[in-house]
PDB file of N, CA and C in Angstrom:
ATOM      1  N   MET A   1       0.823  -1.316  -0.004  1.00  0.00           N
ATOM      2  CA  MET A   1      -0.145  -0.092  -0.019  1.00  0.00           C
ATOM      3  C   MET A   1       0.971   1.313  -0.033  1.00  0.00           C
ATOM      4  N   GLU A   2       1.902   1.202   0.736  1.00  0.00           N
ATOM      5  CA  GLU A   2       2.897   2.398   0.820  1.00  0.00           C
ATOM      6  C   GLU A   2       3.431   2.631  -0.557  1.00  0.00           C
ATOM      7  N   LYS A   3       3.761   1.623  -1.386  1.00  0.00           N
ATOM      8  CA  LYS A   3       4.401   1.825  -2.570  1.00  0.00           C
ATOM      9  C   LYS A   3       3.346   2.445  -3.607  1.00  0.00           C
ATOM     10  N   VAL A   4       2.106   2.216  -3.508  1.00  0.00           N
ATOM     11  CA  VAL A   4       1.083   2.658  -4.221  1.00  0.00           C
ATOM     12  C   VAL A   4       0.886   4.131  -3.953  1.00  0.00           C
ATOM     13  N   PHE A   5       0.855   4.485  -2.776  1.00  0.00           N
ATOM     14  CA  PHE A   5       0.879   5.847  -2.287  1.00  0.00           C
ATOM     15  C   PHE A   5       1.888   6.638  -2.796  1.00  0.00           C
ATOM     16  N   VAL A   6       3.259   6.151  -2.595  1.00  0.00           N
ATOM     17  CA  VAL A   6       4.258   6.806  -3.061  1.00  0.00           C
ATOM     18  C   VAL A   6       4.387   6.996  -4.607  1.00  0.00           C
ATOM     19  N   GLY A   7       3.812   6.105  -5.328  1.00  0.00           N
ATOM     20  CA  GLY A   7       3.779   6.221  -6.729  1.00  0.00           C
ATOM     21  C   GLY A   7       2.807   7.188  -7.242  1.00  0.00           C
ATOM     22  N   ALA A   8       1.679   7.177  -6.556  1.00  0.00           N
ATOM     23  CA  ALA A   8       0.678   8.344  -6.834  1.00  0.00           C
ATOM     24  C   ALA A   8       1.136   9.651  -6.542  1.00  0.00           C
ATOM     25  N   ARG A   9       1.861   9.740  -5.330  1.00  0.00           N
ATOM     26  CA  ARG A   9       2.372  11.108  -4.854  1.00  0.00           C
ATOM     27  C   ARG A   9       3.409  11.501  -5.845  1.00  0.00           C
ATOM     28  N   CYS A  10       4.320  10.638  -6.271  1.00  0.00           N
ATOM     29  CA  CYS A  10       5.354  11.007  -7.195  1.00  0.00           C
ATOM     30  C   CYS A  10       4.912  11.277  -8.782  1.00  0.00           C
ATOM     31  N   SER A  11       3.759  10.988  -8.935  1.00  0.00           N
ATOM     32  CA  SER A  11       3.249  11.295 -10.256  1.00  0.00           C
ATOM     33  C   SER A  11       3.020  12.670 -10.650  1.00  0.00           C
ATOM     34  N   GLY A  12       2.902  13.493  -9.479  1.00  0.00           N
ATOM     35  CA  GLY A  12       2.745  14.930  -9.580  1.00  0.00           C
ATOM     36  C   GLY A  12       1.415  15.387 -10.059  1.00  0.00           C
ATOM     37  N   LEU A  13       0.412  14.461  -9.896  1.00  0.00           N
ATOM     38  CA  LEU A  13      -1.030  14.866 -10.193  1.00  0.00           C
ATOM     39  C   LEU A  13      -1.780  15.168  -9.047  1.00  0.00           C
ATOM     40  N   PHE A  14      -1.209  15.062  -7.802  1.00  0.00           N
ATOM     41  CA  PHE A  14      -1.991  15.208  -6.592  1.00  0.00           C
ATOM     42  C   PHE A  14      -1.426  16.338  -5.772  1.00  0.00           C
ATOM     43  N   ASP A  15      -1.992  16.528  -4.554  1.00  0.00           N
ATOM     44  CA  ASP A  15      -1.253  17.338  -3.549  1.00  0.00           C
ATOM     45  C   ASP A  15       0.186  16.912  -3.313  1.00  0.00           C
ATOM     46  N   PRO A  16       1.198  17.671  -3.211  1.00  0.00           N
ATOM     47  CA  PRO A  16       2.446  17.122  -2.878  1.00  0.00           C
ATOM     48  C   PRO A  16       2.617  16.378  -1.551  1.00  0.00           C
ATOM     49  N   GLU A  17       1.784  16.687  -0.622  1.00  0.00           N
ATOM     50  CA  GLU A  17       1.979  15.926   0.626  1.00  0.00           C
ATOM     51  C   GLU A  17       1.048  14.763   0.586  1.00  0.00           C
ATOM     52  N   GLY A  18       0.293  14.441  -0.429  1.00  0.00           N
ATOM     53  CA  GLY A  18      -0.503  13.279  -0.585  1.00  0.00           C
ATOM     54  C   GLY A  18      -1.951  13.412   0.229  1.00  0.00           C
ATOM     55  N   ARG A  19      -2.263  14.591   0.649  1.00  0.00           N
ATOM     56  CA  ARG A  19      -3.463  14.702   1.446  1.00  0.00           C
ATOM     57  C   ARG A  19      -4.800  14.182   0.710  1.00  0.00           C
ATOM     58  N   ASP A  20      -4.621  14.278  -0.659  1.00  0.00           N
ATOM     59  CA  ASP A  20      -5.929  13.800  -1.433  1.00  0.00           C
ATOM     60  C   ASP A  20      -5.809  12.258  -1.989  1.00  0.00           C
ATOM     61  N   ILE A  21      -4.741  11.622  -1.440  1.00  0.00           N
ATOM     62  CA  ILE A  21      -4.681  10.268  -1.989  1.00  0.00           C
ATOM     63  C   ILE A  21      -5.054   9.282  -0.857  1.00  0.00           C
ATOM     64  N   LYS A  22      -5.925   8.322  -1.247  1.00  0.00           N
ATOM     65  CA  LYS A  22      -6.379   7.347  -0.264  1.00  0.00           C
ATOM     66  C   LYS A  22      -6.147   5.963  -0.953  1.00  0.00           C
ATOM     67  N   VAL A  23      -5.550   5.095   0.007  1.00  0.00           N
ATOM     68  CA  VAL A  23      -5.114   3.717  -0.583  1.00  0.00           C
ATOM     69  C   VAL A  23      -5.930   2.641   0.273  1.00  0.00           C
ATOM     70  N   ARG A  24      -6.509   1.736  -0.271  1.00  0.00           N
ATOM     71  CA  ARG A  24      -7.121   0.651   0.400  1.00  0.00           C
ATOM     72  C   ARG A  24      -6.665  -0.537  -0.381  1.00  0.00           C
ATOM     73  N   ALA A  25      -6.820  -1.702   0.487  1.00  0.00           N
ATOM     74  CA  ALA A  25      -6.364  -3.036  -0.118  1.00  0.00           C
ATOM     75  C   ALA A  25      -7.551  -3.964   0.198  1.00  0.00           C
ATOM     76  N   LEU A  26      -7.874  -4.698  -0.837  1.00  0.00           N
ATOM     77  CA  LEU A  26      -8.772  -5.770  -0.574  1.00  0.00           C
ATOM     78  C   LEU A  26      -8.141  -7.096  -1.097  1.00  0.00           C
ATOM     79  N   PRO A  27      -7.773  -7.913  -0.083  1.00  0.00           N
ATOM     80  CA  PRO A  27      -7.226  -9.220  -0.461  1.00  0.00           C
ATOM     81  C   PRO A  27      -8.111 -10.171  -0.820  1.00  0.00           C
ATOM     82  N   TYR A  28      -7.872 -11.053  -1.790  1.00  0.00           N
ATOM     83  CA  TYR A  28      -8.703 -12.138  -2.253  1.00  0.00           C
ATOM     84  C   TYR A  28      -8.029 -13.416  -1.814  1.00  0.00           C
ATOM     85  N   THR A  29      -9.042 -14.152  -0.969  1.00  0.00           N
ATOM     86  CA  THR A  29      -8.616 -15.512  -0.623  1.00  0.00           C
ATOM     87  C   THR A  29      -8.768 -16.652  -1.579  1.00  0.00           C
ATOM     88  N   THR A  30      -9.802 -16.418  -2.479  1.00  0.00           N
ATOM     89  CA  THR A  30     -10.019 -17.369  -3.532  1.00  0.00           C
ATOM     90  C   THR A  30     -10.278 -16.582  -4.828  1.00  0.00           C
ATOM     91  N   TYR A  31      -9.591 -17.137  -5.844  1.00  0.00           N
ATOM     92  CA  TYR A  31      -9.608 -16.452  -7.086  1.00  0.00           C
ATOM     93  C   TYR A  31      -9.000 -17.444  -8.020  1.00  0.00           C
ATOM     94  N   MET A  32      -9.255 -17.262  -9.438  1.00  0.00           N
ATOM     95  CA  MET A  32      -8.610 -18.137 -10.435  1.00  0.00           C
ATOM     96  C   MET A  32      -8.042 -17.127 -11.348  1.00  0.00           C
ATOM     97  N   SER A  33      -6.873 -17.318 -11.752  1.00  0.00           N
ATOM     98  CA  SER A  33      -6.156 -16.520 -12.747  1.00  0.00           C
ATOM     99  C   SER A  33      -5.613 -17.541 -13.936  1.00  0.00           C
ATOM    100  N   GLY A  34      -6.323 -17.423 -15.013  1.00  0.00           N
ATOM    101  CA  GLY A  34      -5.976 -18.445 -15.993  1.00  0.00           C
ATOM    102  C   GLY A  34      -6.437 -19.800 -15.627  1.00  0.00           C
ATOM    103  N   ALA A  35      -5.481 -20.779 -15.854  1.00  0.00           N
ATOM    104  CA  ALA A  35      -5.772 -22.225 -15.416  1.00  0.00           C
ATOM    105  C   ALA A  35      -5.320 -22.455 -14.049  1.00  0.00           C
ATOM    106  N   GLY A  36      -4.811 -21.519 -13.229  1.00  0.00           N
ATOM    107  CA  GLY A  36      -4.372 -21.879 -11.918  1.00  0.00           C
ATOM    108  C   GLY A  36      -4.602 -20.581 -10.959  1.00  0.00           C
ATOM    109  N   GLU A  37      -3.747 -20.691 -10.069  1.00  0.00           N
ATOM    110  CA  GLU A  37      -3.790 -19.610  -9.124  1.00  0.00           C
ATOM    111  C   GLU A  37      -2.485 -18.787  -8.833  1.00  0.00           C
ATOM    112  N   SER A  38      -2.303 -18.167  -9.971  1.00  0.00           N
ATOM    113  CA  SER A  38      -0.937 -17.337 -10.032  1.00  0.00           C
ATOM    114  C   SER A  38      -1.165 -16.089  -9.277  1.00  0.00           C
ATOM    115  N   GLU A  39      -0.215 -15.730  -8.554  1.00  0.00           N
ATOM    116  CA  GLU A  39      -0.316 -14.590  -7.608  1.00  0.00           C
ATOM    117  C   GLU A  39      -0.363 -13.250  -8.440  1.00  0.00           C
ATOM    118  N   PHE A  40      -0.928 -12.243  -7.982  1.00  0.00           N
ATOM    119  CA  PHE A  40      -1.089 -11.011  -8.797  1.00  0.00           C
ATOM    120  C   PHE A  40      -1.275  -9.871  -7.837  1.00  0.00           C
ATOM    121  N   ILE A  41      -0.999  -8.729  -8.272  1.00  0.00           N
ATOM    122  CA  ILE A  41      -1.359  -7.381  -7.708  1.00  0.00           C
ATOM    123  C   ILE A  41      -2.022  -6.623  -8.773  1.00  0.00           C
ATOM    124  N   HIS A  42      -3.221  -6.279  -8.539  1.00  0.00           N
ATOM    125  CA  HIS A  42      -3.943  -5.496  -9.550  1.00  0.00           C
ATOM    126  C   HIS A  42      -4.465  -4.056  -8.797  1.00  0.00           C
ATOM    127  N   VAL A  43      -3.881  -2.939  -9.222  1.00  0.00           N
ATOM    128  CA  VAL A  43      -4.261  -1.722  -8.647  1.00  0.00           C
ATOM    129  C   VAL A  43      -5.210  -0.911  -9.429  1.00  0.00           C
ATOM    130  N   VAL A  44      -6.284  -0.563  -8.915  1.00  0.00           N
ATOM    131  CA  VAL A  44      -7.253   0.331  -9.712  1.00  0.00           C
ATOM    132  C   VAL A  44      -7.129   1.607  -8.999  1.00  0.00           C
ATOM    133  N   LEU A  45      -6.769   2.636  -9.849  1.00  0.00           N
ATOM    134  CA  LEU A  45      -6.573   3.881  -9.486  1.00  0.00           C
ATOM    135  C   LEU A  45      -7.709   4.694  -9.908  1.00  0.00           C
ATOM    136  N   ARG A  46      -8.713   5.138  -8.953  1.00  0.00           N
ATOM    137  CA  ARG A  46      -9.944   5.806  -9.308  1.00  0.00           C
ATOM    138  C   ARG A  46      -9.597   7.311  -9.079  1.00  0.00           C
ATOM    139  N   ILE A  47      -9.775   8.055 -10.210  1.00  0.00           N
ATOM    140  CA  ILE A  47      -9.404   9.542 -10.109  1.00  0.00           C
ATOM    141  C   ILE A  47     -10.644  10.347 -10.708  1.00  0.00           C
ATOM    142  N   LEU A  48     -10.730  11.641 -10.220  1.00  0.00           N
ATOM    143  CA  LEU A  48     -11.786  12.457 -10.817  1.00  0.00           C
ATOM    144  C   LEU A  48     -11.482  12.653 -12.331  1.00  0.00           C
ATOM    145  N   SER A  49     -12.437  12.693 -13.096  1.00  0.00           N
ATOM    146  CA  SER A  49     -12.400  12.896 -14.522  1.00  0.00           C
ATOM    147  C   SER A  49     -11.658  14.209 -14.807  1.00  0.00           C
ATOM    148  N   GLY A  50     -11.140  14.214 -16.104  1.00  0.00           N
ATOM    149  CA  GLY A  50     -10.567  15.592 -16.477  1.00  0.00           C
ATOM    150  C   GLY A  50      -9.051  15.589 -16.762  1.00  0.00           C
ATOM    151  N   ARG A  51      -8.519  14.434 -16.232  1.00  0.00           N
ATOM    152  CA  ARG A  51      -6.991  14.274 -16.502  1.00  0.00           C
ATOM    153  C   ARG A  51      -6.813  13.838 -18.090  1.00  0.00           C
ATOM    154  N   THR A  52      -5.767  14.244 -18.605  1.00  0.00           N
ATOM    155  CA  THR A  52      -5.469  13.835 -19.939  1.00  0.00           C
ATOM    156  C   THR A  52      -4.803  12.302 -20.084  1.00  0.00           C
ATOM    157  N   ALA A  53      -4.889  11.721 -21.225  1.00  0.00           N
ATOM    158  CA  ALA A  53      -4.416  10.376 -21.323  1.00  0.00           C
ATOM    159  C   ALA A  53      -2.925  10.336 -20.914  1.00  0.00           C
ATOM    160  N   ASP A  54      -2.101  11.376 -21.162  1.00  0.00           N
ATOM    161  CA  ASP A  54      -0.630  11.415 -20.897  1.00  0.00           C
ATOM    162  C   ASP A  54      -0.655  11.416 -19.358  1.00  0.00           C
ATOM    163  N   GLN A  55      -1.465  12.153 -18.625  1.00  0.00           N
ATOM    164  CA  GLN A  55      -1.390  12.185 -17.278  1.00  0.00           C
ATOM    165  C   GLN A  55      -1.720  10.876 -16.573  1.00  0.00           C
ATOM    166  N   LYS A  56      -2.734  10.142 -17.174  1.00  0.00           N
ATOM    167  CA  LYS A  56      -3.063   8.790 -16.698  1.00  0.00           C
ATOM    168  C   LYS A  56      -1.943   7.779 -16.882  1.00  0.00           C
ATOM    169  N   VAL A  57      -1.231   7.938 -18.038  1.00  0.00           N
ATOM    170  CA  VAL A  57      -0.090   7.076 -18.217  1.00  0.00           C
ATOM    171  C   VAL A  57       1.026   7.401 -17.159  1.00  0.00           C
ATOM    172  N   GLN A  58       1.144   8.659 -17.033  1.00  0.00           N
ATOM    173  CA  GLN A  58       2.180   9.206 -15.947  1.00  0.00           C
ATOM    174  C   GLN A  58       1.971   8.622 -14.707  1.00  0.00           C
ATOM    175  N   LEU A  59       0.582   8.550 -14.243  1.00  0.00           N
ATOM    176  CA  LEU A  59       0.290   8.027 -13.042  1.00  0.00           C
ATOM    177  C   LEU A  59       0.321   6.479 -12.915  1.00  0.00           C
ATOM    178  N   SER A  60      -0.078   5.761 -13.838  1.00  0.00           N
ATOM    179  CA  SER A  60       0.089   4.353 -13.793  1.00  0.00           C
ATOM    180  C   SER A  60       1.570   3.896 -13.825  1.00  0.00           C
ATOM    181  N   THR A  61       2.324   4.641 -14.738  1.00  0.00           N
ATOM    182  CA  THR A  61       3.672   4.268 -14.802  1.00  0.00           C
ATOM    183  C   THR A  61       4.415   4.455 -13.449  1.00  0.00           C
ATOM    184  N   ALA A  62       4.191   5.633 -12.687  1.00  0.00           N
ATOM    185  CA  ALA A  62       4.745   5.923 -11.492  1.00  0.00           C
ATOM    186  C   ALA A  62       4.423   4.833 -10.483  1.00  0.00           C
ATOM    187  N   VAL A  63       3.137   4.360 -10.403  1.00  0.00           N
ATOM    188  CA  VAL A  63       2.573   3.431  -9.442  1.00  0.00           C
ATOM    189  C   VAL A  63       3.333   1.931  -9.699  1.00  0.00           C
ATOM    190  N   ILE A  64       3.343   1.656 -11.036  1.00  0.00           N
ATOM    191  CA  ILE A  64       3.916   0.211 -11.339  1.00  0.00           C
ATOM    192  C   ILE A  64       5.441   0.215 -11.200  1.00  0.00           C
ATOM    193  N   ALA A  65       6.092   1.440 -11.312  1.00  0.00           N
ATOM    194  CA  ALA A  65       7.610   1.447 -11.080  1.00  0.00           C
ATOM    195  C   ALA A  65       7.753   1.168  -9.596  1.00  0.00           C
ATOM    196  N   GLU A  66       7.094   1.771  -8.764  1.00  0.00           N
ATOM    197  CA  GLU A  66       7.236   1.611  -7.266  1.00  0.00           C
ATOM    198  C   GLU A  66       6.933   0.163  -6.850  1.00  0.00           C
ATOM    199  N   LEU A  67       5.938  -0.346  -7.471  1.00  0.00           N
ATOM    200  CA  LEU A  67       5.582  -1.861  -7.083  1.00  0.00           C
ATOM    201  C   LEU A  67       6.683  -2.803  -7.758  1.00  0.00           C
ATOM    202  N   GLU A  68       7.264  -2.525  -8.883  1.00  0.00           N
ATOM    203  CA  GLU A  68       8.280  -3.301  -9.413  1.00  0.00           C
ATOM    204  C   GLU A  68       9.617  -3.173  -8.604  1.00  0.00           C
ATOM    205  N   ALA A  69       9.823  -2.105  -7.939  1.00  0.00           N
ATOM    206  CA  ALA A  69      10.964  -1.747  -7.140  1.00  0.00           C
ATOM    207  C   ALA A  69      11.030  -2.825  -5.972  1.00  0.00           C
ATOM    208  N   ILE A  70       9.884  -3.319  -5.590  1.00  0.00           N
ATOM    209  CA  ILE A  70       9.931  -4.278  -4.447  1.00  0.00           C
ATOM    210  C   ILE A  70      10.676  -5.519  -4.640  1.00  0.00           C
ATOM    211  N   GLY A  71      10.784  -5.996  -5.977  1.00  0.00           N
ATOM    212  CA  GLY A  71      11.563  -7.132  -6.364  1.00  0.00           C
ATOM    213  C   GLY A  71      10.736  -8.417  -6.208  1.00  0.00           C
ATOM    214  N   LEU A  72       9.523  -8.482  -6.285  1.00  0.00           N
ATOM    215  CA  LEU A  72       8.697  -9.581  -6.237  1.00  0.00           C
ATOM    216  C   LEU A  72       9.015 -10.561  -7.248  1.00  0.00           C
ATOM    217  N   VAL A  73       8.823 -11.836  -7.153  1.00  0.00           N
ATOM    218  CA  VAL A  73       9.235 -12.957  -8.226  1.00  0.00           C
ATOM    219  C   VAL A  73       8.005 -13.561  -8.494  1.00  0.00           C
ATOM    220  N   ASP A  74       7.797 -14.038  -9.763  1.00  0.00           N
ATOM    221  CA  ASP A  74       6.665 -14.751 -10.181  1.00  0.00           C
ATOM    222  C   ASP A  74       5.230 -14.304  -9.765  1.00  0.00           C
ATOM    223  N   ILE A  75       5.094 -13.046 -10.005  1.00  0.00           N
ATOM    224  CA  ILE A  75       3.865 -12.308  -9.678  1.00  0.00           C
ATOM    225  C   ILE A  75       3.436 -11.383 -10.847  1.00  0.00           C
ATOM    226  N   SER A  76       2.273 -11.328 -11.063  1.00  0.00           N
ATOM    227  CA  SER A  76       1.689 -10.403 -12.168  1.00  0.00           C
ATOM    228  C   SER A  76       1.371  -9.076 -11.492  1.00  0.00           C
ATOM    229  N   ILE A  77       1.818  -7.845 -12.086  1.00  0.00           N
ATOM    230  CA  ILE A  77       1.571  -6.606 -11.429  1.00  0.00           C
ATOM    231  C   ILE A  77       0.758  -5.756 -12.509  1.00  0.00           C
ATOM    232  N   SER A  78      -0.329  -5.215 -12.329  1.00  0.00           N
ATOM    233  CA  SER A  78      -1.112  -4.442 -13.270  1.00  0.00           C
ATOM    234  C   SER A  78      -1.675  -3.368 -12.674  1.00  0.00           C
ATOM    235  N   VAL A  79      -1.850  -2.271 -13.378  1.00  0.00           N
ATOM    236  CA  VAL A  79      -2.448  -0.957 -12.916  1.00  0.00           C
ATOM    237  C   VAL A  79      -3.554  -0.499 -13.925  1.00  0.00           C
ATOM    238  N   GLU A  80      -4.598  -0.042 -13.387  1.00  0.00           N
ATOM    239  CA  GLU A  80      -5.682   0.459 -14.349  1.00  0.00           C
ATOM    240  C   GLU A  80      -6.200   1.688 -13.770  1.00  0.00           C
ATOM    241  N   VAL A  81      -6.406   2.809 -14.626  1.00  0.00           N
ATOM    242  CA  VAL A  81      -6.835   4.073 -14.194  1.00  0.00           C
ATOM    243  C   VAL A  81      -8.180   4.341 -14.640  1.00  0.00           C
ATOM    244  N   VAL A  82      -9.097   4.515 -13.574  1.00  0.00           N
ATOM    245  CA  VAL A  82     -10.482   4.655 -13.950  1.00  0.00           C
ATOM    246  C   VAL A  82     -10.980   6.024 -13.538  1.00  0.00           C
ATOM    247  N   ASP A  83     -11.722   6.648 -14.489  1.00  0.00           N
ATOM    248  CA  ASP A  83     -12.313   7.933 -14.193  1.00  0.00           C
ATOM    249  C   ASP A  83     -13.562   7.919 -13.359  1.00  0.00           C
ATOM    250  N   MET A  84     -13.749   8.778 -12.371  1.00  0.00           N
ATOM    251  CA  MET A  84     -14.883   8.960 -11.692  1.00  0.00           C
ATOM    252  C   MET A  84     -15.448  10.303 -12.227  1.00  0.00           C
ATOM    253  N   ASP A  85     -16.728  10.291 -12.509  1.00  0.00           N
ATOM    254  CA  ASP A  85     -17.407  11.413 -13.117  1.00  0.00           C
ATOM    255  C   ASP A  85     -17.340  12.726 -12.138  1.00  0.00           C
ATOM    256  N   ARG A  86     -16.585  13.709 -12.383  1.00  0.00           N
ATOM    257  CA  ARG A  86     -16.415  14.818 -11.689  1.00  0.00           C
ATOM    258  C   ARG A  86     -17.822  15.406 -11.327  1.00  0.00           C
ATOM    259  N   ASP A  87     -18.679  15.538 -12.277  1.00  0.00           N
ATOM    260  CA  ASP A  87     -19.851  16.275 -12.088  1.00  0.00           C
ATOM    261  C   ASP A  87     -20.809  15.661 -11.038  1.00  0.00           C
ATOM    262  N   SER A  88     -20.721  14.283 -11.021  1.00  0.00           N
ATOM    263  CA  SER A  88     -21.751  13.596 -10.033  1.00  0.00           C
ATOM    264  C   SER A  88     -21.072  13.117  -8.808  1.00  0.00           C
ATOM    265  N   TYR A  89     -19.741  13.282  -8.829  1.00  0.00           N
ATOM    266  CA  TYR A  89     -19.056  12.772  -7.535  1.00  0.00           C
ATOM    267  C   TYR A  89     -19.395  13.733  -6.285  1.00  0.00           C
ATOM    268  N   ARG A  90     -19.749  13.162  -5.130  1.00  0.00           N
ATOM    269  CA  ARG A  90     -19.915  13.964  -3.961  1.00  0.00           C
ATOM    270  C   ARG A  90     -19.145  13.429  -2.947  1.00  0.00           C
ATOM    271  N   LYS A  91     -18.713  14.340  -2.047  1.00  0.00           N
ATOM    272  CA  LYS A  91     -17.987  14.054  -0.714  1.00  0.00           C
ATOM    273  C   LYS A  91     -18.358  14.819   0.389  1.00  0.00           C
ATOM    274  N   VAL A  92     -18.568  14.300   1.528  1.00  0.00           N
ATOM    275  CA  VAL A  92     -19.089  15.156   2.820  1.00  0.00           C
ATOM    276  C   VAL A  92     -18.010  14.804   3.959  1.00  0.00           C
ATOM    277  N   LEU A  93     -17.437  15.889   4.519  1.00  0.00           N
ATOM    278  CA  LEU A  93     -16.685  15.555   5.661  1.00  0.00           C
ATOM    279  C   LEU A  93     -17.385  16.098   6.899  1.00  0.00           C
ATOM    280  N   SER A  94     -17.629  15.259   7.788  1.00  0.00           N
ATOM    281  CA  SER A  94     -18.264  15.496   8.954  1.00  0.00           C
ATOM    282  C   SER A  94     -17.558  15.637  10.243  1.00  0.00           C
TER     283      SER A  94
END
C-alpha cells in the first residue's frame, strides 16, 4: 500500500503531501487466474475525470515502477486508471 501511495504522490498529479490520496487494499483469498492460482497485484486507481491520457499514463507508470522496485518474483502486476465522473461525485466531511 505504501508503494502505491508513493507512486501516486510522485506522479505529480496530486497534492504534494498526498492529502488527497487514499489507498485501500482488498485481499482475495479465493480467485482463479487463467488455469491456476498465479499470484497477482492489480491496482485500480480511481481519479476524478478531467485528466489527460498522458497524465493517466504518467500515474500508472509511477505506481507500477514503485511496485516493481519491491522485487517480487513470479507475480503479475497490473495498474488500471478509472475516471470517476467529476460532475456527479460527492463528498462530505463531518
